[in-house]
Amino acid sequence: MEKKLTPSICYMAGLVSKSNEKDKSAVGIQTGIEEIEQRFVEIALKEFSIEPTKIIIEEQAGGRHLFFYHSRVSKQLKDICARETYLFKKKDKLSSSYVAGMFDGAGHVTHTTMTINPLSTPDALMLENLGVHTKGNAVLNISNFMSLIKESSLLLERYSI
């Protein structure tokens, strides 16, 4: 049985939407940010009842790769990502959590720009529906973007933006 959408599940879907997992039953992230690692593990344990011993952590240059194998969870998260333009049409907690997960998974901040790399065409359309304009991977109206994700993003918190 598929779990109902919650902000945590939407955050996880956004986070893993930017990962490069090769195995279709794997759910994982690559990050060097401890808070994001902790959130990933917390959601896996609480929302998906993944046993702690099933979460694999591999050290990599510049961070860690955290993942677990679970075909049902992987399918559910991929389905959410595939339907993002239909599911996340209005500014609410689910949309902000999903976008925050995308940003935490692949966002970058410099003094003058904020990007999500990669940003697919469906990602850009979904963001446009939420009032966030993009060009390529760059967010154009940063203040709207920040107000959308400020409650859910760990990366924004880390940069103290």
Foldseek 3Di string as FASTA:
>chain_A
DDDDDDLLLLLQLLQQVLADDPDLQKRKAWAADVVVVVSNLVCCCPVVVDDPVQWDWDDDVHTIMIMGGGNVSSVNSVVCVVCVLPPQQEQDSSNLSNVLSQCQRAWDDDPPWIFRPQQDPSNQNSVVSHVWHDDGGTTDPVVSNCVSHVVHHPVCVVVVD
